[in-house]
Amino acid sequence: MKANQLGELSVVELNAKLIDNLDSLQNLRFQKALQQLEDGTQISIVKKEIAQIKTILREYDLGIRKSEGDA
């Protein structure tokens, strides 16, 4: 998912997506440990998306980014 698409999501949706990505990362790491992972770049892609989501959530916390209910 692109960064600008993530910016359009609400805080609740971002938290849900973060949980999904953390679960996905854990599964990918298990697959890597068991040598069942074919494409190792998936791990870095998921980690990057997790970082983007955490950045957007932090911007909401700091007030840099306003939710639609606050406007």
PDB file of N, CA and C in Angstrom:
ATOM      1  N   MET A   1       0.847  -1.164   0.000  1.00  0.00           N
ATOM      2  CA  MET A   1       0.000   0.000   0.000  1.00  0.00           C
ATOM      3  C   MET A   1       0.901   1.238   0.000  1.00  0.00           C
ATOM      4  N   LYS A   2       0.552   2.212  -0.813  1.00  0.00           N
ATOM      5  CA  LYS A   2       1.349   3.432  -0.925  1.00  0.00           C
ATOM      6  C   LYS A   2       1.180   4.314   0.304  1.00  0.00           C
ATOM      7  N   ALA A   3       2.153   5.175   0.551  1.00  0.00           N
ATOM      8  CA  ALA A   3       2.134   6.043   1.724  1.00  0.00           C
ATOM      9  C   ALA A   3       0.963   7.013   1.686  1.00  0.00           C
ATOM     10  N   ASN A   4       0.626   7.534   0.497  1.00  0.00           N
ATOM     11  CA  ASN A   4      -0.496   8.463   0.427  1.00  0.00           C
ATOM     12  C   ASN A   4      -1.825   7.750   0.658  1.00  0.00           C
ATOM     13  N   GLN A   5      -1.913   6.476   0.315  1.00  0.00           N
ATOM     14  CA  GLN A   5      -3.123   5.697   0.606  1.00  0.00           C
ATOM     15  C   GLN A   5      -3.232   5.451   2.107  1.00  0.00           C
ATOM     16  N   LEU A   6      -2.109   5.237   2.768  1.00  0.00           N
ATOM     17  CA  LEU A   6      -2.126   5.046   4.214  1.00  0.00           C
ATOM     18  C   LEU A   6      -2.560   6.322   4.926  1.00  0.00           C
ATOM     19  N   GLY A   7      -2.181   7.471   4.389  1.00  0.00           N
ATOM     20  CA  GLY A   7      -2.541   8.740   4.987  1.00  0.00           C
ATOM     21  C   GLY A   7      -4.026   9.031   4.952  1.00  0.00           C
ATOM     22  N   GLU A   8      -4.744   8.380   4.061  1.00  0.00           N
ATOM     23  CA  GLU A   8      -6.185   8.590   3.934  1.00  0.00           C
ATOM     24  C   GLU A   8      -6.986   7.736   4.906  1.00  0.00           C
ATOM     25  N   LEU A   9      -6.335   6.771   5.559  1.00  0.00           N
ATOM     26  CA  LEU A   9      -7.041   5.881   6.477  1.00  0.00           C
ATOM     27  C   LEU A   9      -7.238   6.543   7.838  1.00  0.00           C
ATOM     28  N   SER A  10      -8.267   6.104   8.544  1.00  0.00           N
ATOM     29  CA  SER A  10      -8.503   6.629   9.888  1.00  0.00           C
ATOM     30  C   SER A  10      -7.562   5.938  10.876  1.00  0.00           C
ATOM     31  N   VAL A  11      -7.530   6.455  12.096  1.00  0.00           N
ATOM     32  CA  VAL A  11      -6.646   5.909  13.130  1.00  0.00           C
ATOM     33  C   VAL A  11      -7.030   4.458  13.438  1.00  0.00           C
ATOM     34  N   VAL A  12      -8.310   4.171  13.493  1.00  0.00           N
ATOM     35  CA  VAL A  12      -8.769   2.806  13.786  1.00  0.00           C
ATOM     36  C   VAL A  12      -8.330   1.854  12.678  1.00  0.00           C
ATOM     37  N   GLU A  13      -8.478   2.290  11.430  1.00  0.00           N
ATOM     38  CA  GLU A  13      -8.069   1.454  10.303  1.00  0.00           C
ATOM     39  C   GLU A  13      -6.559   1.258  10.287  1.00  0.00           C
ATOM     40  N   LEU A  14      -5.828   2.309  10.656  1.00  0.00           N
ATOM     41  CA  LEU A  14      -4.365   2.190  10.701  1.00  0.00           C
ATOM     42  C   LEU A  14      -3.922   1.204  11.777  1.00  0.00           C
ATOM     43  N   ASN A  15      -4.579   1.253  12.939  1.00  0.00           N
ATOM     44  CA  ASN A  15      -4.237   0.296  14.001  1.00  0.00           C
ATOM     45  C   ASN A  15      -4.540  -1.133  13.576  1.00  0.00           C
ATOM     46  N   ALA A  16      -5.651  -1.349  12.888  1.00  0.00           N
ATOM     47  CA  ALA A  16      -5.995  -2.688  12.410  1.00  0.00           C
ATOM     48  C   ALA A  16      -4.971  -3.164  11.380  1.00  0.00           C
ATOM     49  N   LYS A  17      -4.575  -2.275  10.475  1.00  0.00           N
ATOM     50  CA  LYS A  17      -3.588  -2.626   9.455  1.00  0.00           C
ATOM     51  C   LYS A  17      -2.228  -2.914  10.095  1.00  0.00           C
ATOM     52  N   LEU A  18      -1.897  -2.168  11.136  1.00  0.00           N
ATOM     53  CA  LEU A  18      -0.638  -2.398  11.846  1.00  0.00           C
ATOM     54  C   LEU A  18      -0.619  -3.790  12.473  1.00  0.00           C
ATOM     55  N   ILE A  19      -1.703  -4.176  13.114  1.00  0.00           N
ATOM     56  CA  ILE A  19      -1.784  -5.504  13.724  1.00  0.00           C
ATOM     57  C   ILE A  19      -1.679  -6.593  12.665  1.00  0.00           C
ATOM     58  N   ASP A  20      -2.364  -6.398  11.529  1.00  0.00           N
ATOM     59  CA  ASP A  20      -2.290  -7.374  10.438  1.00  0.00           C
ATOM     60  C   ASP A  20      -0.863  -7.514   9.912  1.00  0.00           C
ATOM     61  N   ASN A  21      -0.183  -6.377   9.757  1.00  0.00           N
ATOM     62  CA  ASN A  21       1.186  -6.414   9.235  1.00  0.00           C
ATOM     63  C   ASN A  21       2.154  -7.048  10.227  1.00  0.00           C
ATOM     64  N   LEU A  22       1.956  -6.801  11.515  1.00  0.00           N
ATOM     65  CA  LEU A  22       2.817  -7.436  12.515  1.00  0.00           C
ATOM     66  C   LEU A  22       2.630  -8.955  12.512  1.00  0.00           C
ATOM     67  N   ASP A  23       1.382  -9.414  12.353  1.00  0.00           N
ATOM     68  CA  ASP A  23       1.125 -10.855  12.243  1.00  0.00           C
ATOM     69  C   ASP A  23       1.759 -11.423  10.981  1.00  0.00           C
ATOM     70  N   SER A  24       1.633 -10.690   9.898  1.00  0.00           N
ATOM     71  CA  SER A  24       2.216 -11.124   8.633  1.00  0.00           C
ATOM     72  C   SER A  24       3.738 -11.218   8.737  1.00  0.00           C
ATOM     73  N   LEU A  25       4.354 -10.237   9.400  1.00  0.00           N
ATOM     74  CA  LEU A  25       5.811 -10.254   9.579  1.00  0.00           C
ATOM     75  C   LEU A  25       6.251 -11.460  10.392  1.00  0.00           C
ATOM     76  N   GLN A  26       5.501 -11.762  11.437  1.00  0.00           N
ATOM     77  CA  GLN A  26       5.834 -12.923  12.254  1.00  0.00           C
ATOM     78  C   GLN A  26       5.735 -14.210  11.435  1.00  0.00           C
ATOM     79  N   ASN A  27       4.693 -14.336  10.617  1.00  0.00           N
ATOM     80  CA  ASN A  27       4.549 -15.522   9.776  1.00  0.00           C
ATOM     81  C   ASN A  27       5.676 -15.622   8.761  1.00  0.00           C
ATOM     82  N   LEU A  28       6.071 -14.491   8.175  1.00  0.00           N
ATOM     83  CA  LEU A  28       7.166 -14.512   7.210  1.00  0.00           C
ATOM     84  C   LEU A  28       8.475 -14.929   7.874  1.00  0.00           C
ATOM     85  N   ARG A  29       8.698 -14.471   9.107  1.00  0.00           N
ATOM     86  CA  ARG A  29       9.917 -14.860   9.822  1.00  0.00           C
ATOM     87  C   ARG A  29       9.923 -16.339  10.145  1.00  0.00           C
ATOM     88  N   PHE A  30       8.757 -16.898  10.493  1.00  0.00           N
ATOM     89  CA  PHE A  30       8.668 -18.338  10.729  1.00  0.00           C
ATOM     90  C   PHE A  30       8.958 -19.102   9.446  1.00  0.00           C
ATOM     91  N   GLN A  31       8.412 -18.635   8.335  1.00  0.00           N
ATOM     92  CA  GLN A  31       8.664 -19.301   7.056  1.00  0.00           C
ATOM     93  C   GLN A  31      10.142 -19.243   6.702  1.00  0.00           C
ATOM     94  N   LYS A  32      10.780 -18.111   6.991  1.00  0.00           N
ATOM     95  CA  LYS A  32      12.208 -17.989   6.701  1.00  0.00           C
ATOM     96  C   LYS A  32      13.019 -18.956   7.555  1.00  0.00           C
ATOM     97  N   ALA A  33      12.640 -19.076   8.833  1.00  0.00           N
ATOM     98  CA  ALA A  33      13.362 -19.975   9.732  1.00  0.00           C
ATOM     99  C   ALA A  33      13.215 -21.430   9.302  1.00  0.00           C
ATOM    100  N   LEU A  34      12.048 -21.755   8.750  1.00  0.00           N
ATOM    101  CA  LEU A  34      11.796 -23.120   8.294  1.00  0.00           C
ATOM    102  C   LEU A  34      12.231 -23.336   6.849  1.00  0.00           C
ATOM    103  N   GLN A  35      12.828 -22.304   6.261  1.00  0.00           N
ATOM    104  CA  GLN A  35      13.314 -22.337   4.879  1.00  0.00           C
ATOM    105  C   GLN A  35      12.193 -22.624   3.890  1.00  0.00           C
ATOM    106  N   GLN A  36      11.023 -22.049   4.159  1.00  0.00           N
ATOM    107  CA  GLN A  36       9.885 -22.200   3.250  1.00  0.00           C
ATOM    108  C   GLN A  36       9.590 -20.898   2.515  1.00  0.00           C
ATOM    109  N   LEU A  37      10.325 -19.841   2.827  1.00  0.00           N
ATOM    110  CA  LEU A  37      10.080 -18.539   2.230  1.00  0.00           C
ATOM    111  C   LEU A  37      10.805 -18.447   0.897  1.00  0.00           C
ATOM    112  N   GLU A  38      10.038 -18.220  -0.182  1.00  0.00           N
ATOM    113  CA  GLU A  38      10.633 -18.160  -1.510  1.00  0.00           C
ATOM    114  C   GLU A  38      11.179 -16.771  -1.824  1.00  0.00           C
ATOM    115  N   ASP A  39      10.451 -15.713  -1.414  1.00  0.00           N
ATOM    116  CA  ASP A  39      10.848 -14.349  -1.740  1.00  0.00           C
ATOM    117  C   ASP A  39      11.193 -13.609  -0.455  1.00  0.00           C
ATOM    118  N   GLY A  40      12.462 -13.451  -0.184  1.00  0.00           N
ATOM    119  CA  GLY A  40      12.910 -12.816   1.047  1.00  0.00           C
ATOM    120  C   GLY A  40      12.654 -11.324   1.109  1.00  0.00           C
ATOM    121  N   THR A  41      12.342 -10.707  -0.037  1.00  0.00           N
ATOM    122  CA  THR A  41      12.085  -9.271  -0.043  1.00  0.00           C
ATOM    123  C   THR A  41      10.745  -8.917   0.586  1.00  0.00           C
ATOM    124  N   GLN A  42       9.877  -9.894   0.761  1.00  0.00           N
ATOM    125  CA  GLN A  42       8.574  -9.635   1.388  1.00  0.00           C
ATOM    126  C   GLN A  42       8.745  -9.125   2.805  1.00  0.00           C
ATOM    127  N   ILE A  43       9.749  -9.613   3.497  1.00  0.00           N
ATOM    128  CA  ILE A  43       9.984  -9.183   4.882  1.00  0.00           C
ATOM    129  C   ILE A  43      10.309  -7.692   4.924  1.00  0.00           C
ATOM    130  N   SER A  44      11.190  -7.233   4.054  1.00  0.00           N
ATOM    131  CA  SER A  44      11.552  -5.815   4.068  1.00  0.00           C
ATOM    132  C   SER A  44      10.387  -4.931   3.631  1.00  0.00           C
ATOM    133  N   ILE A  45       9.549  -5.417   2.738  1.00  0.00           N
ATOM    134  CA  ILE A  45       8.384  -4.647   2.303  1.00  0.00           C
ATOM    135  C   ILE A  45       7.395  -4.473   3.447  1.00  0.00           C
ATOM    136  N   VAL A  46       7.146  -5.544   4.196  1.00  0.00           N
ATOM    137  CA  VAL A  46       6.216  -5.476   5.321  1.00  0.00           C
ATOM    138  C   VAL A  46       6.784  -4.589   6.424  1.00  0.00           C
ATOM    139  N   LYS A  47       8.092  -4.692   6.679  1.00  0.00           N
ATOM    140  CA  LYS A  47       8.716  -3.851   7.705  1.00  0.00           C
ATOM    141  C   LYS A  47       8.623  -2.373   7.327  1.00  0.00           C
ATOM    142  N   LYS A  48       8.779  -2.058   6.066  1.00  0.00           N
ATOM    143  CA  LYS A  48       8.681  -0.673   5.605  1.00  0.00           C
ATOM    144  C   LYS A  48       7.263  -0.146   5.802  1.00  0.00           C
ATOM    145  N   GLU A  49       6.269  -0.960   5.483  1.00  0.00           N
ATOM    146  CA  GLU A  49       4.882  -0.532   5.650  1.00  0.00           C
ATOM    147  C   GLU A  49       4.540  -0.341   7.127  1.00  0.00           C
ATOM    148  N   ILE A  50       5.077  -1.200   7.994  1.00  0.00           N
ATOM    149  CA  ILE A  50       4.868  -1.046   9.437  1.00  0.00           C
ATOM    150  C   ILE A  50       5.442   0.296   9.895  1.00  0.00           C
ATOM    151  N   ALA A  51       6.627   0.636   9.417  1.00  0.00           N
ATOM    152  CA  ALA A  51       7.255   1.903   9.788  1.00  0.00           C
ATOM    153  C   ALA A  51       6.431   3.091   9.300  1.00  0.00           C
ATOM    154  N   GLN A  52       5.881   2.998   8.096  1.00  0.00           N
ATOM    155  CA  GLN A  52       5.052   4.080   7.568  1.00  0.00           C
ATOM    156  C   GLN A  52       3.786   4.253   8.400  1.00  0.00           C
ATOM    157  N   ILE A  53       3.167   3.163   8.790  1.00  0.00           N
ATOM    158  CA  ILE A  53       1.947   3.233   9.605  1.00  0.00           C
ATOM    159  C   ILE A  53       2.262   3.843  10.964  1.00  0.00           C
ATOM    160  N   LYS A  54       3.364   3.398  11.582  1.00  0.00           N
ATOM    161  CA  LYS A  54       3.739   3.949  12.885  1.00  0.00           C
ATOM    162  C   LYS A  54       4.048   5.433  12.791  1.00  0.00           C
ATOM    163  N   THR A  55       4.637   5.875  11.696  1.00  0.00           N
ATOM    164  CA  THR A  55       4.933   7.287  11.501  1.00  0.00           C
ATOM    165  C   THR A  55       3.643   8.098  11.419  1.00  0.00           C
ATOM    166  N   ILE A  56       2.677   7.623  10.667  1.00  0.00           N
ATOM    167  CA  ILE A  56       1.405   8.333  10.529  1.00  0.00           C
ATOM    168  C   ILE A  56       0.672   8.377  11.863  1.00  0.00           C
ATOM    169  N   LEU A  57       0.682   7.267  12.602  1.00  0.00           N
ATOM    170  CA  LEU A  57       0.034   7.258  13.915  1.00  0.00           C
ATOM    171  C   LEU A  57       0.716   8.235  14.866  1.00  0.00           C
ATOM    172  N   ARG A  58       2.022   8.348  14.795  1.00  0.00           N
ATOM    173  CA  ARG A  58       2.751   9.283  15.649  1.00  0.00           C
ATOM    174  C   ARG A  58       2.415  10.728  15.273  1.00  0.00           C
ATOM    175  N   GLU A  59       2.240  10.986  13.982  1.00  0.00           N
ATOM    176  CA  GLU A  59       1.845  12.326  13.549  1.00  0.00           C
ATOM    177  C   GLU A  59       0.482  12.701  14.113  1.00  0.00           C
ATOM    178  N   TYR A  60      -0.436  11.748  14.182  1.00  0.00           N
ATOM    179  CA  TYR A  60      -1.733  12.003  14.810  1.00  0.00           C
ATOM    180  C   TYR A  60      -1.555  12.328  16.293  1.00  0.00           C
ATOM    181  N   ASP A  61      -0.682  11.586  16.971  1.00  0.00           N
ATOM    182  CA  ASP A  61      -0.441  11.821  18.394  1.00  0.00           C
ATOM    183  C   ASP A  61       0.139  13.215  18.648  1.00  0.00           C
ATOM    184  N   LEU A  62       1.038  13.643  17.787  1.00  0.00           N
ATOM    185  CA  LEU A  62       1.694  14.937  17.972  1.00  0.00           C
ATOM    186  C   LEU A  62       0.838  16.104  17.487  1.00  0.00           C
ATOM    187  N   GLY A  63      -0.233  15.818  16.775  1.00  0.00           N
ATOM    188  CA  GLY A  63      -1.094  16.871  16.258  1.00  0.00           C
ATOM    189  C   GLY A  63      -0.644  17.428  14.931  1.00  0.00           C
ATOM    190  N   ILE A  64       0.347  16.820  14.317  1.00  0.00           N
ATOM    191  CA  ILE A  64       0.812  17.254  13.001  1.00  0.00           C
ATOM    192  C   ILE A  64      -0.249  16.949  11.954  1.00  0.00           C
ATOM    193  N   ARG A  65      -0.863  15.816  12.111  1.00  0.00           N
ATOM    194  CA  ARG A  65      -1.905  15.363  11.193  1.00  0.00           C
ATOM    195  C   ARG A  65      -3.211  15.361  11.969  1.00  0.00           C
ATOM    196  N   LYS A  66      -4.238  15.945  11.407  1.00  0.00           N
ATOM    197  CA  LYS A  66      -5.531  16.030  12.078  1.00  0.00           C
ATOM    198  C   LYS A  66      -6.480  14.985  11.505  1.00  0.00           C
ATOM    199  N   SER A  67      -7.224  14.332  12.394  1.00  0.00           N
ATOM    200  CA  SER A  67      -8.262  13.412  11.926  1.00  0.00           C
ATOM    201  C   SER A  67      -9.457  14.235  11.489  1.00  0.00           C
ATOM    202  N   GLU A  68     -10.341  13.657  10.712  1.00  0.00           N
ATOM    203  CA  GLU A  68     -11.466  14.402  10.152  1.00  0.00           C
ATOM    204  C   GLU A  68     -12.435  14.848  11.236  1.00  0.00           C
ATOM    205  N   GLY A  69     -12.498  14.161  12.345  1.00  0.00           N
ATOM    206  CA  GLY A  69     -13.379  14.556  13.428  1.00  0.00           C
ATOM    207  C   GLY A  69     -12.877  15.780  14.174  1.00  0.00           C
ATOM    208  N   ASP A  70     -11.569  16.049  14.091  1.00  0.00           N
ATOM    209  CA  ASP A  70     -10.982  17.184  14.800  1.00  0.00           C
ATOM    210  C   ASP A  70     -11.131  18.497  14.045  1.00  0.00           C
ATOM    211  N   ALA A  71     -11.397  18.416  12.742  1.00  0.00           N
ATOM    212  CA  ALA A  71     -11.418  19.627  11.906  1.00  0.00           C
ATOM    213  C   ALA A  71     -12.582  20.523  12.166  1.00  0.00           C
TER     214      ALA A  71
END
